[in-house]
Protein backbone atom coordinates (compact mmCIF):
# COMPACT_ATOMS: atom_id res chain seq x y z
CA MET A 1 212.82 -195.06 58.32
CA ALA A 2 211.28 -196.83 55.34
CA PHE A 3 209.59 -199.33 57.67
CA GLY A 4 208.19 -196.49 59.81
CA ARG A 5 206.76 -194.72 56.77
CA THR A 6 205.19 -197.99 55.62
CA VAL A 7 203.51 -198.52 59.00
CA LYS A 8 202.19 -194.95 59.00
CA LEU A 9 200.92 -195.39 55.45
CA LEU A 10 199.15 -198.62 56.39
CA LEU A 11 197.58 -196.99 59.45
CA PHE A 12 196.43 -194.08 57.30
CA MET A 13 194.89 -196.48 54.75
CA VAL A 14 193.09 -198.41 57.51
CA LEU A 15 191.76 -195.14 58.96
CA CYS A 16 190.51 -194.10 55.53
CA LEU A 17 188.84 -197.45 55.03
CA LEU A 18 187.12 -197.26 58.41
CA THR A 19 185.93 -193.76 57.58
CA ILE A 20 184.52 -195.01 54.30
CA LEU A 21 182.77 -197.93 55.97
CA SER A 22 181.21 -195.68 58.59
CA SER A 23 179.08 -193.85 56.05
CA SER A 24 176.31 -194.99 53.73
CA GLN A 25 178.24 -193.42 50.84
CA GLY A 26 181.20 -195.53 51.88
CA GLU A 27 179.09 -198.68 51.77
CA LYS A 28 178.04 -197.68 48.28
CA GLU A 29 181.66 -197.26 47.24
CA VAL A 30 182.58 -200.65 48.71
CA TYR A 31 179.87 -202.54 46.83
CA GLU A 32 180.58 -200.60 43.64
CA TYR A 33 184.21 -201.63 43.93
CA LYS A 34 183.23 -205.30 44.22
CA TYR A 35 180.34 -205.07 41.74
CA PRO A 36 181.27 -202.30 39.29
CA PHE A 37 178.57 -203.44 36.86
CA ILE A 38 175.73 -202.49 39.26
CA LYS A 39 174.37 -199.08 38.31
CA ARG A 40 171.22 -197.04 38.75
CA ALA A 41 168.70 -197.36 35.96
CA SER A 42 168.98 -193.63 35.19
CA SER A 43 172.56 -194.21 33.99
CA PHE A 44 171.22 -196.26 31.06
CA SER A 45 171.86 -194.79 27.61
CA PRO A 46 172.99 -196.10 24.20
CA SER A 47 176.39 -194.50 24.69
CA SER A 48 177.01 -195.94 28.17
CA SER A 49 175.43 -199.39 28.03
CA SER A 50 177.30 -202.32 26.57
CA SER A 51 178.54 -200.16 23.71
CA SER A 52 181.40 -202.61 23.14
CA PHE A 53 178.87 -205.21 22.02
CA SER A 54 177.45 -203.40 18.99
CA SER A 55 175.46 -205.51 16.55
CA LYS A 56 172.60 -205.32 14.12
CA GLY A 57 170.42 -204.54 17.09
CA GLY A 58 172.27 -201.27 17.63
CA ASP A 59 174.77 -200.16 20.26
CA ASN A 60 172.17 -200.59 22.99
CA ALA A 61 171.71 -204.34 22.44
CA TYR A 62 172.36 -207.47 24.49
CA ASP A 63 172.53 -211.21 23.99
CA TYR A 64 170.31 -211.70 27.03
CA ILE A 65 167.96 -209.38 28.89
CA ILE A 66 166.96 -210.83 32.27
CA VAL A 67 163.99 -209.25 33.99
CA GLY A 68 164.26 -209.71 37.75
CA GLY A 69 167.50 -209.76 39.73
CA GLY A 70 166.21 -212.23 42.30
CA THR A 71 166.95 -215.66 43.67
CA ALA A 72 167.16 -217.20 40.18
CA GLY A 73 167.98 -214.08 38.15
CA CYS A 74 171.32 -213.30 39.82
CA PRO A 75 172.95 -216.74 39.37
CA LEU A 76 171.50 -216.94 35.85
CA ALA A 77 172.98 -213.55 34.89
CA ALA A 78 176.36 -214.38 36.42
CA THR A 79 176.53 -217.65 34.47
CA LEU A 80 175.43 -216.30 31.09
CA SER A 81 177.86 -213.37 31.36
CA GLN A 82 180.78 -215.76 31.09
CA ASN A 83 180.21 -215.93 27.33
CA PHE A 84 177.60 -213.33 26.38
CA SER A 85 176.53 -209.75 27.05
CA VAL A 86 173.80 -209.64 29.68
CA LEU A 87 171.51 -206.88 30.95
CA LEU A 88 169.89 -207.63 34.32
CA LEU A 89 166.97 -205.36 35.24
CA GLU A 90 165.97 -205.20 38.93
CA ARG A 91 163.14 -202.99 40.18
CA GLY A 92 164.59 -202.66 43.71
CA GLY A 93 167.86 -201.45 45.18
CA VAL A 94 170.88 -203.29 46.55
CA PRO A 95 170.77 -205.37 49.76
CA PHE A 96 174.33 -204.56 50.84
CA THR A 97 173.57 -201.17 52.41
CA ASN A 98 170.20 -202.00 53.97
CA ALA A 99 170.54 -202.99 57.64
CA ASN A 100 167.00 -204.40 57.72
CA VAL A 101 167.99 -206.78 54.95
CA SER A 102 171.57 -207.54 55.95
CA PHE A 103 171.17 -208.65 59.57
CA LEU A 104 169.28 -211.57 61.08
CA LYS A 105 168.30 -209.50 64.12
CA ASN A 106 166.36 -207.11 61.88
CA PHE A 107 164.55 -209.80 59.88
CA HIS A 108 161.12 -208.91 61.25
CA ILE A 109 161.67 -205.16 60.87
CA GLY A 110 162.48 -205.59 57.18
CA LEU A 111 159.13 -207.30 56.66
CA ALA A 112 157.37 -204.59 58.63
CA ASP A 113 158.69 -201.80 56.40
CA THR A 114 155.83 -200.80 54.09
CA SER A 115 157.49 -197.70 52.61
CA PRO A 116 157.52 -197.35 48.79
CA THR A 117 161.24 -198.19 48.65
CA SER A 118 161.12 -201.11 51.07
CA ALA A 119 162.89 -204.32 50.09
CA SER A 120 159.65 -206.09 50.97
CA GLN A 121 156.41 -205.24 49.16
CA ALA A 122 153.44 -206.43 51.17
CA PHE A 123 150.36 -207.87 49.56
CA VAL A 124 147.29 -209.60 50.92
CA SER A 125 145.88 -212.55 49.03
CA THR A 126 142.14 -212.75 48.49
CA ASP A 127 142.23 -215.43 51.20
CA GLY A 128 143.08 -212.71 53.73
CA VAL A 129 146.67 -213.85 54.28
CA ILE A 130 149.43 -211.23 54.54
CA ASN A 131 152.31 -211.99 52.19
CA ALA A 132 155.43 -210.32 50.80
CA ARG A 133 157.13 -209.83 47.45
CA ALA A 134 160.82 -209.03 47.28
CA ARG A 135 161.79 -205.66 45.82
CA VAL A 136 165.57 -205.83 46.07
CA LEU A 137 168.55 -207.36 44.30
CA GLY A 138 168.77 -210.96 45.49
CA GLY A 139 164.98 -211.26 45.55
CA GLY A 140 163.43 -213.49 48.18
CA SER A 141 166.88 -214.58 49.39
CA SER A 142 167.34 -210.99 50.63
CA ILE A 143 164.24 -210.94 52.87
CA ASN A 144 163.62 -214.57 53.85
CA ALA A 145 164.43 -216.59 56.96
CA GLY A 146 167.67 -217.83 55.42
CA PHE A 147 167.15 -221.61 55.64
CA TYR A 148 169.00 -223.57 52.98
CA SER A 149 168.00 -227.11 52.08
CA ARG A 150 168.10 -228.93 48.76
CA SER A 151 165.06 -230.46 47.10
CA GLY A 152 164.33 -234.16 47.15
CA HIS A 153 165.21 -236.48 44.26
CA ARG A 154 161.52 -236.85 43.43
CA PHE A 155 161.21 -233.14 42.62
CA ILE A 156 164.28 -233.17 40.36
CA LYS A 157 162.87 -236.16 38.50
CA SER A 158 159.42 -234.55 38.17
CA VAL A 159 160.80 -231.43 36.45
CA GLY A 160 163.04 -233.48 34.17
CA TRP A 161 166.35 -231.91 35.17
CA ASP A 162 169.69 -233.60 34.56
CA ARG A 163 170.79 -234.98 37.92
CA LYS A 164 174.51 -234.64 37.17
CA LEU A 165 174.19 -230.96 36.32
CA VAL A 166 171.96 -230.42 39.34
CA ASN A 167 174.62 -231.96 41.59
CA GLU A 168 177.21 -229.64 40.03
CA SER A 169 175.04 -226.54 40.38
CA TYR A 170 174.14 -226.78 44.08
CA PRO A 171 177.80 -226.62 45.27
CA TRP A 172 178.38 -223.61 43.00
CA VAL A 173 175.87 -221.75 45.20
CA GLU A 174 176.90 -223.29 48.51
CA SER A 175 180.62 -222.54 48.27
CA GLN A 176 179.83 -218.84 47.97
CA ILE A 177 177.00 -218.01 50.39
CA VAL A 178 175.90 -220.98 52.55
CA TYR A 179 177.00 -221.81 56.10
CA GLN A 180 176.50 -224.35 58.86
CA PRO A 181 174.51 -222.60 61.59
CA LYS A 182 175.49 -222.33 65.23
CA LEU A 183 172.51 -224.13 66.70
CA ALA A 184 170.40 -222.02 69.05
CA LEU A 185 169.11 -223.61 72.25
CA TRP A 186 165.50 -223.28 71.05
CA GLN A 187 166.44 -225.15 67.89
CA LYS A 188 168.12 -227.88 69.97
CA ALA A 189 164.97 -228.24 72.05
CA VAL A 190 162.87 -228.59 68.91
CA ARG A 191 165.35 -231.15 67.55
CA ASP A 192 165.10 -233.21 70.73
CA GLY A 193 161.32 -232.85 70.77
CA LEU A 194 161.05 -234.07 67.18
CA LEU A 195 163.14 -237.12 68.00
CA ASP A 196 161.08 -237.76 71.15
CA VAL A 197 157.86 -237.98 69.13
CA GLY A 198 159.35 -240.27 66.50
CA VAL A 199 160.45 -238.01 63.63
CA ARG A 200 163.51 -240.13 63.01
CA PRO A 201 166.28 -240.80 62.17
CA PHE A 202 168.42 -237.87 63.16
CA ASN A 203 170.34 -236.96 60.01
CA GLY A 204 172.60 -234.36 61.62
CA PHE A 205 173.73 -231.36 59.59
CA THR A 206 172.98 -231.85 55.91
CA TYR A 207 171.78 -229.95 52.88
CA ASP A 208 170.00 -233.07 51.62
CA HIS A 209 166.25 -233.65 51.81
CA LYS A 210 165.85 -236.74 54.01
CA TYR A 211 162.98 -238.09 56.08
CA GLY A 212 163.59 -237.56 59.76
CA THR A 213 165.05 -234.66 61.72
CA LYS A 214 167.98 -232.62 60.48
CA ILE A 215 169.88 -229.36 60.77
CA GLY A 216 169.98 -227.46 57.47
CA GLY A 217 172.23 -224.77 56.08
CA THR A 218 171.79 -221.01 56.38
CA ILE A 219 172.74 -217.96 54.34
CA PHE A 220 173.43 -216.06 57.60
CA ASP A 221 177.08 -216.23 58.63
CA ARG A 222 178.33 -216.59 62.22
CA PHE A 223 178.02 -212.83 62.69
CA GLY A 224 174.34 -212.89 61.72
CA ARG A 225 174.95 -211.20 58.38
CA ARG A 226 172.92 -212.30 55.37
CA HIS A 227 174.54 -213.48 52.13
CA SER A 228 171.89 -213.43 49.43
CA ALA A 229 171.77 -214.49 45.78
CA ALA A 230 173.03 -210.99 44.94
CA GLU A 231 176.50 -212.09 46.05
CA LEU A 232 176.48 -214.81 43.39
CA LEU A 233 177.04 -211.93 40.97
CA SER A 234 180.67 -212.05 42.11
CA TYR A 235 180.99 -215.02 39.73
CA ALA A 236 180.09 -212.78 36.77
CA ASN A 237 182.33 -211.50 34.00
CA PRO A 238 182.21 -207.76 34.80
CA GLN A 239 183.01 -206.86 31.19
CA ARG A 240 179.87 -208.56 29.89
CA LEU A 241 177.30 -207.83 32.61
CA THR A 242 175.27 -204.70 33.31
CA VAL A 243 172.96 -204.72 36.34
CA LEU A 244 170.50 -201.86 36.57
CA ILE A 245 168.79 -201.28 39.91
CA TYR A 246 165.54 -199.31 40.30
CA ALA A 247 164.67 -200.47 36.77
CA SER A 248 160.95 -201.19 36.73
CA VAL A 249 160.11 -203.17 33.60
CA GLN A 250 156.77 -202.06 32.19
CA ARG A 251 156.39 -204.61 29.41
CA ILE A 252 158.20 -206.89 27.00
CA ILE A 253 158.60 -205.65 23.41
CA PHE A 254 157.56 -207.99 20.60
CA ASP A 255 158.07 -208.05 16.86
CA THR A 256 154.65 -209.10 15.55
CA SER A 257 155.41 -208.77 11.83
CA GLY A 258 155.90 -212.51 11.33
CA LYS A 259 153.69 -215.55 11.84
CA ARG A 260 154.61 -215.67 15.54
CA PRO A 261 155.47 -212.81 17.89
CA ARG A 262 159.17 -212.62 18.81
CA ALA A 263 160.53 -211.02 21.95
CA VAL A 264 162.98 -208.25 21.00
CA GLY A 265 163.46 -206.25 24.20
CA ALA A 266 161.94 -204.58 27.23
CA ILE A 267 160.59 -201.16 28.23
CA PHE A 268 161.55 -200.01 31.74
CA LYS A 269 161.36 -196.89 33.88
CA ASP A 270 164.27 -195.63 35.94
CA GLU A 271 164.15 -194.23 39.49
CA ASN A 272 163.20 -190.82 38.11
CA GLY A 273 160.28 -192.14 36.09
CA LYS A 274 162.04 -191.77 32.75
CA GLN A 275 161.28 -194.52 30.25
CA HIS A 276 163.98 -196.52 28.44
CA GLN A 277 164.10 -199.23 25.81
CA ALA A 278 166.56 -202.13 25.96
CA LEU A 279 166.90 -204.36 22.90
CA LEU A 280 168.17 -207.83 22.15
CA ARG A 281 170.86 -208.46 19.61
CA ASN A 282 169.43 -209.64 16.31
CA THR A 283 171.32 -212.94 16.53
CA PRO A 284 170.16 -216.56 16.94
CA GLY A 285 169.92 -217.56 20.59
CA SER A 286 169.36 -214.10 22.04
CA GLU A 287 166.51 -214.09 24.58
CA VAL A 288 164.48 -212.09 27.06
CA ILE A 289 164.31 -214.19 30.24
CA LEU A 290 161.72 -213.50 32.92
CA SER A 291 162.83 -214.19 36.50
CA CYS A 292 160.27 -212.05 38.30
CA GLY A 293 158.92 -214.80 40.56
CA ALA A 294 155.55 -216.48 40.87
CA ILE A 295 153.74 -213.14 41.27
CA GLY A 296 155.74 -210.88 38.97
CA THR A 297 156.18 -213.15 35.96
CA PRO A 298 152.53 -213.96 35.16
CA GLN A 299 151.66 -210.34 35.93
CA LEU A 300 154.29 -209.03 33.47
CA LEU A 301 153.27 -211.55 30.81
CA MET A 302 149.69 -210.29 30.96
CA LEU A 303 150.73 -206.63 30.96
CA SER A 304 152.80 -207.44 27.87
CA GLY A 305 149.85 -209.03 26.04
CA ILE A 306 150.29 -212.74 26.80
CA GLY A 307 147.46 -214.25 28.80
CA PRO A 308 143.73 -215.00 28.90
CA LYS A 309 142.00 -212.96 26.18
CA LYS A 310 139.03 -211.98 28.37
CA GLU A 311 141.32 -210.71 31.13
CA LEU A 312 143.45 -208.62 28.78
CA GLU A 313 140.40 -207.12 27.06
CA LYS A 314 139.16 -205.81 30.42
CA PHE A 315 142.22 -203.53 30.53
CA ASN A 316 142.48 -202.78 26.80
CA ILE A 317 145.83 -204.55 26.62
CA SER A 318 146.86 -205.33 23.04
CA MET A 319 146.78 -209.09 22.51
CA VAL A 320 150.09 -210.70 21.58
CA LEU A 321 149.14 -214.29 22.40
CA ASP A 322 145.97 -215.72 23.89
CA ASN A 323 146.94 -218.23 26.59
CA GLU A 324 144.26 -219.00 29.15
CA TYR A 325 146.72 -220.73 31.49
CA VAL A 326 148.80 -217.67 32.41
CA GLY A 327 148.09 -216.94 36.07
CA LYS A 328 146.42 -220.32 36.67
CA GLY A 329 147.54 -223.00 39.10
CA MET A 330 148.85 -220.58 41.75
CA ALA A 331 149.74 -222.35 45.00
CA ASP A 332 151.27 -221.56 48.37
CA ASN A 333 152.32 -223.98 51.08
CA PRO A 334 149.93 -223.16 53.94
CA MET A 335 151.58 -222.76 57.31
CA ASN A 336 150.21 -222.57 60.83
CA SER A 337 152.24 -221.76 63.90
CA VAL A 338 151.95 -222.72 67.54
CA PHE A 339 153.20 -220.05 69.95
CA ILE A 340 155.08 -221.56 72.89
CA PRO A 341 155.70 -219.53 76.06
CA SER A 342 159.02 -219.88 77.85
CA LYS A 343 160.13 -218.88 81.33
CA ARG A 344 163.68 -218.36 80.17
CA PRO A 345 164.96 -215.61 77.86
CA LEU A 346 165.32 -216.71 74.25
CA GLU A 347 167.94 -215.74 71.73
CA GLN A 348 166.75 -214.86 68.27
CA SER A 349 166.82 -217.75 65.86
CA LEU A 350 165.32 -218.36 62.47
CA ILE A 351 164.84 -221.78 60.91
CA GLN A 352 167.70 -224.20 61.59
CA THR A 353 166.01 -227.46 62.61
CA VAL A 354 163.48 -229.21 60.38
CA GLY A 355 161.39 -232.33 60.77
CA ILE A 356 160.56 -234.00 57.45
CA THR A 357 157.67 -236.32 58.22
CA ASN A 358 155.94 -239.09 56.28
CA LYS A 359 152.60 -237.34 56.89
CA GLY A 360 153.17 -234.71 54.21
CA VAL A 361 154.05 -231.93 56.66
CA TYR A 362 157.27 -230.19 57.70
CA ILE A 363 158.01 -228.94 61.22
CA GLU A 364 160.28 -225.91 61.67
CA ALA A 365 160.85 -223.32 64.38
CA SER A 366 161.86 -219.77 65.26
CA SER A 367 162.46 -217.91 68.51
CA GLY A 368 163.21 -214.62 70.18
CA PHE A 369 161.45 -212.13 67.91
CA GLY A 370 159.06 -209.50 69.20
CA GLN A 371 160.58 -208.95 72.64
CA SER A 372 162.62 -205.78 72.35
CA SER A 373 161.39 -202.27 73.07
CA GLU A 374 162.08 -201.38 69.42
CA SER A 375 160.26 -204.30 67.84
CA ILE A 376 157.20 -204.51 70.06
CA HIS A 377 155.54 -201.61 68.23
CA CYS A 378 155.99 -203.17 64.80
CA HIS A 379 154.12 -205.54 62.51
CA HIS A 380 156.37 -208.59 62.32
CA GLY A 381 154.82 -210.85 59.73
CA ILE A 382 155.03 -214.56 60.43
CA MET A 383 157.29 -214.09 63.45
CA SER A 384 154.99 -211.71 65.30
CA ALA A 385 154.09 -212.54 68.87
CA GLU A 386 152.33 -209.21 69.36
CA LEU A 387 149.77 -208.89 66.60
CA GLY A 388 146.76 -210.84 65.51
CA GLN A 389 143.84 -209.61 67.57
CA LEU A 390 143.01 -206.96 64.98
CA SER A 391 142.07 -209.75 62.63
CA THR A 392 139.26 -210.73 65.00
CA ILE A 393 137.60 -207.39 64.27
CA PRO A 394 135.34 -207.45 61.19
CA PRO A 395 136.86 -205.39 58.34
CA LYS A 396 134.17 -202.68 58.52
CA GLN A 397 134.96 -202.11 62.20
CA ARG A 398 138.73 -202.08 61.63
CA THR A 399 138.77 -198.28 61.65
CA PRO A 400 141.88 -196.08 61.97
CA GLU A 401 140.71 -195.24 65.50
CA ALA A 402 140.46 -198.92 66.43
CA ILE A 403 143.92 -199.56 65.02
CA GLN A 404 145.45 -196.64 66.97
CA ALA A 405 143.77 -197.79 70.18
CA TYR A 406 145.16 -201.27 69.56
CA ILE A 407 148.68 -199.95 69.01
CA LYS A 408 148.50 -197.83 72.17
CA GLY A 409 147.39 -200.82 74.16
CA LYS A 410 150.31 -202.86 72.86
CA LYS A 411 152.83 -200.22 73.94
CA ASP A 412 151.73 -200.64 77.54
CA LEU A 413 152.18 -204.41 77.59
CA PRO A 414 155.27 -205.89 79.29
CA HIS A 415 157.79 -207.49 76.95
CA GLU A 416 157.73 -210.64 79.06
CA ALA A 417 154.16 -211.29 77.90
CA PHE A 418 155.57 -212.34 74.56
CA ARG A 419 158.57 -214.35 75.68
CA GLY A 420 158.63 -217.53 73.69
CA GLY A 421 158.99 -219.02 70.25
CA PHE A 422 157.09 -220.70 67.47
CA ILE A 423 156.71 -224.22 66.19
CA LEU A 424 155.86 -223.90 62.52
CA GLU A 425 153.85 -226.57 60.70
CA LYS A 426 153.73 -226.47 56.91
CA VAL A 427 151.86 -228.62 54.38
CA ALA A 428 154.46 -230.12 52.04
CA ASN A 429 152.80 -230.31 48.62
CA PRO A 430 149.41 -228.58 48.68
CA LEU A 431 146.74 -229.79 46.28
CA SER A 432 144.73 -226.58 46.68
CA THR A 433 145.37 -224.08 43.89
CA GLY A 434 144.17 -220.64 42.88
CA HIS A 435 144.81 -217.96 40.31
CA LEU A 436 146.33 -214.54 39.65
CA LYS A 437 144.50 -211.68 37.91
CA LEU A 438 145.32 -208.08 37.09
CA ILE A 439 143.72 -205.28 39.08
CA THR A 440 145.39 -202.41 37.23
CA THR A 441 147.83 -201.95 34.36
CA ASN A 442 150.44 -200.45 36.70
CA VAL A 443 153.21 -203.01 37.10
CA GLU A 444 154.01 -201.58 40.56
CA ASP A 445 150.54 -202.50 41.84
CA ASN A 446 150.00 -205.94 43.29
CA PRO A 447 147.75 -208.18 41.22
CA SER A 448 144.86 -210.10 42.77
CA VAL A 449 146.11 -213.48 44.02
CA ALA A 450 143.99 -216.32 45.38
CA PHE A 451 145.68 -219.41 46.82
CA ASN A 452 142.48 -221.07 48.10
CA TYR A 453 144.19 -222.52 51.16
CA PHE A 454 142.68 -225.82 52.38
CA SER A 455 140.13 -225.99 49.59
CA HIS A 456 141.32 -229.56 49.07
CA PRO A 457 140.37 -231.79 52.05
CA LEU A 458 143.71 -233.62 52.05
CA ASP A 459 145.57 -230.36 52.72
CA LEU A 460 143.35 -229.72 55.73
CA GLN A 461 143.93 -233.22 57.06
CA ARG A 462 147.68 -232.76 56.75
CA CYS A 463 147.46 -229.51 58.70
CA VAL A 464 145.52 -231.27 61.47
CA ASP A 465 148.18 -233.99 61.60
CA GLY A 466 150.91 -231.33 61.74
CA ILE A 467 149.28 -229.37 64.57
CA ARG A 468 148.82 -232.54 66.60
CA LEU A 469 152.47 -233.39 66.04
CA ALA A 470 153.54 -229.87 67.09
CA ALA A 471 151.49 -230.26 70.29
CA LYS A 472 153.25 -233.54 71.07
CA ILE A 473 156.64 -231.89 70.59
CA VAL A 474 155.73 -229.11 73.01
CA GLN A 475 154.57 -231.67 75.58
CA SER A 476 157.71 -233.80 75.30
CA GLU A 477 160.03 -233.97 78.28
CA HIS A 478 163.05 -232.49 76.51
CA PHE A 479 161.04 -229.49 75.43
CA THR A 480 159.38 -228.74 78.77
CA ASN A 481 162.77 -229.07 80.47
CA TYR A 482 164.05 -226.33 78.20
CA THR A 483 161.11 -223.91 78.38
CA GLN A 484 160.71 -224.55 82.14
CA CYS A 485 156.95 -224.45 81.54
CA ASP A 486 154.43 -227.08 82.52
CA LYS A 487 152.85 -229.25 79.86
CA GLN A 488 150.22 -227.29 78.01
CA THR A 489 146.90 -228.67 76.88
CA VAL A 490 146.32 -228.58 73.14
CA GLU A 491 143.42 -226.18 73.57
CA ARG A 492 145.50 -223.76 75.65
CA LEU A 493 148.33 -223.84 73.10
CA LEU A 494 145.94 -223.15 70.26
CA ASN A 495 144.37 -220.31 72.22
CA LEU A 496 147.77 -218.66 72.65
CA SER A 497 148.43 -219.10 68.95
CA VAL A 498 145.10 -217.59 67.90
CA LYS A 499 146.20 -214.40 69.66
CA ALA A 500 149.66 -214.47 68.11
CA ASN A 501 148.97 -215.22 64.44
CA VAL A 502 148.57 -212.54 61.82
CA ASN A 503 146.06 -212.59 59.00
CA PHE A 504 142.77 -210.93 58.10
CA ILE A 505 140.58 -213.99 58.45
CA PRO A 506 137.78 -213.55 61.02
CA ARG A 507 138.09 -215.90 64.01
CA HIS A 508 135.46 -218.44 64.97
CA THR A 509 134.37 -219.25 68.50
CA ASN A 510 135.45 -222.87 68.19
CA ASP A 511 138.85 -222.36 66.59
CA THR A 512 140.66 -223.51 69.73
CA ARG A 513 138.56 -226.66 70.08
CA SER A 514 138.39 -227.71 66.43
CA ILE A 515 141.84 -228.18 64.93
CA GLU A 516 140.30 -228.05 61.46
CA GLN A 517 138.84 -224.61 62.22
CA PHE A 518 142.12 -223.52 63.81
CA CYS A 519 143.96 -224.42 60.59
CA LYS A 520 141.52 -222.43 58.45
CA ASP A 521 141.40 -219.40 60.74
CA THR A 522 145.11 -219.05 61.50
CA VAL A 523 146.72 -219.96 58.18
CA ILE A 524 149.75 -217.86 57.29
CA THR A 525 152.45 -218.00 54.66
CA ILE A 526 156.13 -218.72 54.57
CA TRP A 527 156.45 -217.23 51.05
CA HIS A 528 156.72 -220.48 49.14
CA TYR A 529 154.19 -219.54 46.49
CA HIS A 530 154.65 -220.96 43.01
CA GLY A 531 152.84 -221.62 39.75
CA GLY A 532 151.09 -219.37 37.26
CA CYS A 533 153.25 -220.38 34.28
CA HIS A 534 153.25 -224.17 34.36
CA VAL A 535 155.38 -226.39 32.14
CA GLY A 536 153.31 -227.79 29.28
CA LEU A 537 150.75 -224.99 29.54
CA VAL A 538 152.72 -221.74 29.40
CA VAL A 539 156.30 -222.94 28.84
CA ASN A 540 157.88 -226.09 27.40
CA HIS A 541 160.35 -228.35 29.24
CA ASP A 542 163.18 -225.98 28.34
CA LEU A 543 161.11 -223.19 29.97
CA LYS A 544 160.63 -221.37 26.66
CA VAL A 545 157.28 -219.60 26.40
CA LEU A 546 155.00 -221.56 24.08
CA GLY A 547 154.29 -219.76 20.82
CA VAL A 548 156.75 -216.91 21.47
CA PRO A 549 160.34 -217.32 20.21
CA ARG A 550 163.16 -215.69 22.21
CA LEU A 551 161.17 -215.57 25.47
CA ARG A 552 161.94 -217.86 28.41
CA ILE A 553 160.97 -218.09 32.11
CA VAL A 554 163.40 -219.14 34.83
CA ASP A 555 161.69 -218.94 38.21
CA PRO A 556 159.21 -220.87 40.43
CA SER A 557 156.20 -219.68 38.45
CA THR A 558 156.93 -222.78 36.36
CA PHE A 559 156.76 -225.15 39.38
CA LYS A 560 153.75 -227.31 40.22
CA GLN A 561 155.11 -227.84 43.73
CA SER A 562 157.59 -226.09 45.98
CA PRO A 563 160.94 -227.94 46.14
CA GLY A 564 162.10 -229.41 49.44
CA THR A 565 161.27 -227.94 52.82
CA ASN A 566 162.32 -224.44 51.67
CA PRO A 567 162.77 -223.51 48.00
CA GLN A 568 165.55 -220.92 47.89
CA ALA A 569 168.37 -223.47 47.52
CA THR A 570 166.73 -225.02 44.48
CA ILE A 571 165.74 -221.68 42.94
CA MET A 572 169.33 -220.41 43.17
CA MET A 573 170.53 -223.73 41.79
CA MET A 574 167.94 -223.39 39.02
CA GLY A 575 169.48 -220.08 37.92
CA ARG A 576 172.93 -221.66 37.67
CA TYR A 577 171.54 -224.87 36.11
CA MET A 578 169.60 -223.09 33.37
CA GLY A 579 172.51 -220.75 32.66
CA VAL A 580 174.89 -223.66 32.13
CA LYS A 581 172.28 -225.55 30.10
CA ILE A 582 171.73 -222.55 27.80
CA LEU A 583 175.48 -222.02 27.31
CA ARG A 584 176.10 -225.69 26.53
CA GLU A 585 173.22 -225.84 24.05
CA ARG A 586 174.42 -222.69 22.31
CA LEU A 587 178.20 -223.22 22.39
CA GLY A 588 178.84 -226.88 23.18
CA LYS A 589 182.26 -227.57 24.70
CA ALA A 590 183.34 -224.05 23.83
CA ALA A 591 181.09 -222.79 26.66
CA GLY A 592 183.70 -223.95 29.16
CA VAL A 593 181.14 -224.85 31.84
């Protein structure tokens, strides 16, 4: 009898759990059970926030306030919470309940969502290239293509990081959210094509950055579900961490009564538009740490009064510190893609195979996006095989009527017209740089960003080399055997790609005959932008903001180059690395890390 009652009880519990999981409210309850410290910003009040950590700063005070719950911010917060009270402020929501974020099959749809609450906030650089900023816990790791690959030793040496701690910090990330991918057939064909054209040796599956061809890691598991930096919060001490979602930080608060301004807190708005003030503890070592990314961090610094004097005066922003280098040195790794038709159906795959060449370019690939009846009507960012022709229309003629006519025409096209995949060619370490400037004083508005793609001739030459290499791969025997298509001429391949790419750069009549013009006209992004707060100009080697005590930056705005083939591995590692470094400097062996 007792056994029977136990079985019935277990069945009832399973049924209840399934019922919970079937609803969005249930999903919310599940993530709140695992991450009880994640709350809506409107729940913030002196009586409910970290009241057990009262200090001279008041009940509503923290040892660390981290602005930006992204790729670096989440591991940083989890690490610091082991010993100190931490407030993590994230302007977006959670990734766990968003199907467009959580599943590989919806990757392109997530980028296409331009609603105010989307996890992806679109912006167009002054170059005319469509880009995206993350607006969700986990940051870019919640909306990217999922590829995981460590940086090379040269990058680690250039930023002056301790190699031993770096080698301890990568596995901390990998053991939690990184997987070996099940290699798609398209990715195998690209692998074989790379080896055919001499991108050797084959290094197999590895996280390491090595010349040749390799298979990297992925943050998508075998079921196609994403595991972003947000899940690194499971390492946190739940008693010492508060994560507020939908908390839009308006500015950093400074104490300007002394010789130098000191960061003392942050002003943020909750999801209802109500304004709140979060303060640091008045103890040595307490800090506000910006982890808003290469776009958000220089923007927030300027809105808070740190930046070029002339720029801040334009918007009547009170000057805290004149630093002409904030927003300077912005860079993005330019990418161009070659669309490859295939006579066989293709499964969806994001980046798994990569060719690391000695020409200063990386070769990657994707397949199977833009073929379904649901997705063919959408804007699919870098993986779109449907859009691009609108960019051939001059901006003044790109009327709502023209756009609607274009969309209607696309609905009538057969899905088979877009069957194929992409070979992606990316310049490794661009020498071309630009700048970021404010347009408004609303932190929710995108600033003006110029990357100045291919303004340096060496970047253009590398792109030409990469496109020629991509063409050779497509013409290799292994590849044509897979696609079941005849060898394509370079001009025909480029012509197909001109129609497939997405940006707002007007086309030229010779962009399929001149590879240089093709590179300029069809440049796109893979979201590897960096810079704006360089070491030695805006921050010191410990990433502390120059001239402003208790303010630090931990994100790729401090980078002069993007690490490895894809930066997310190193940015997540950076969050863990800097967290451990801060704890050890503050507590020594007592830190326990």
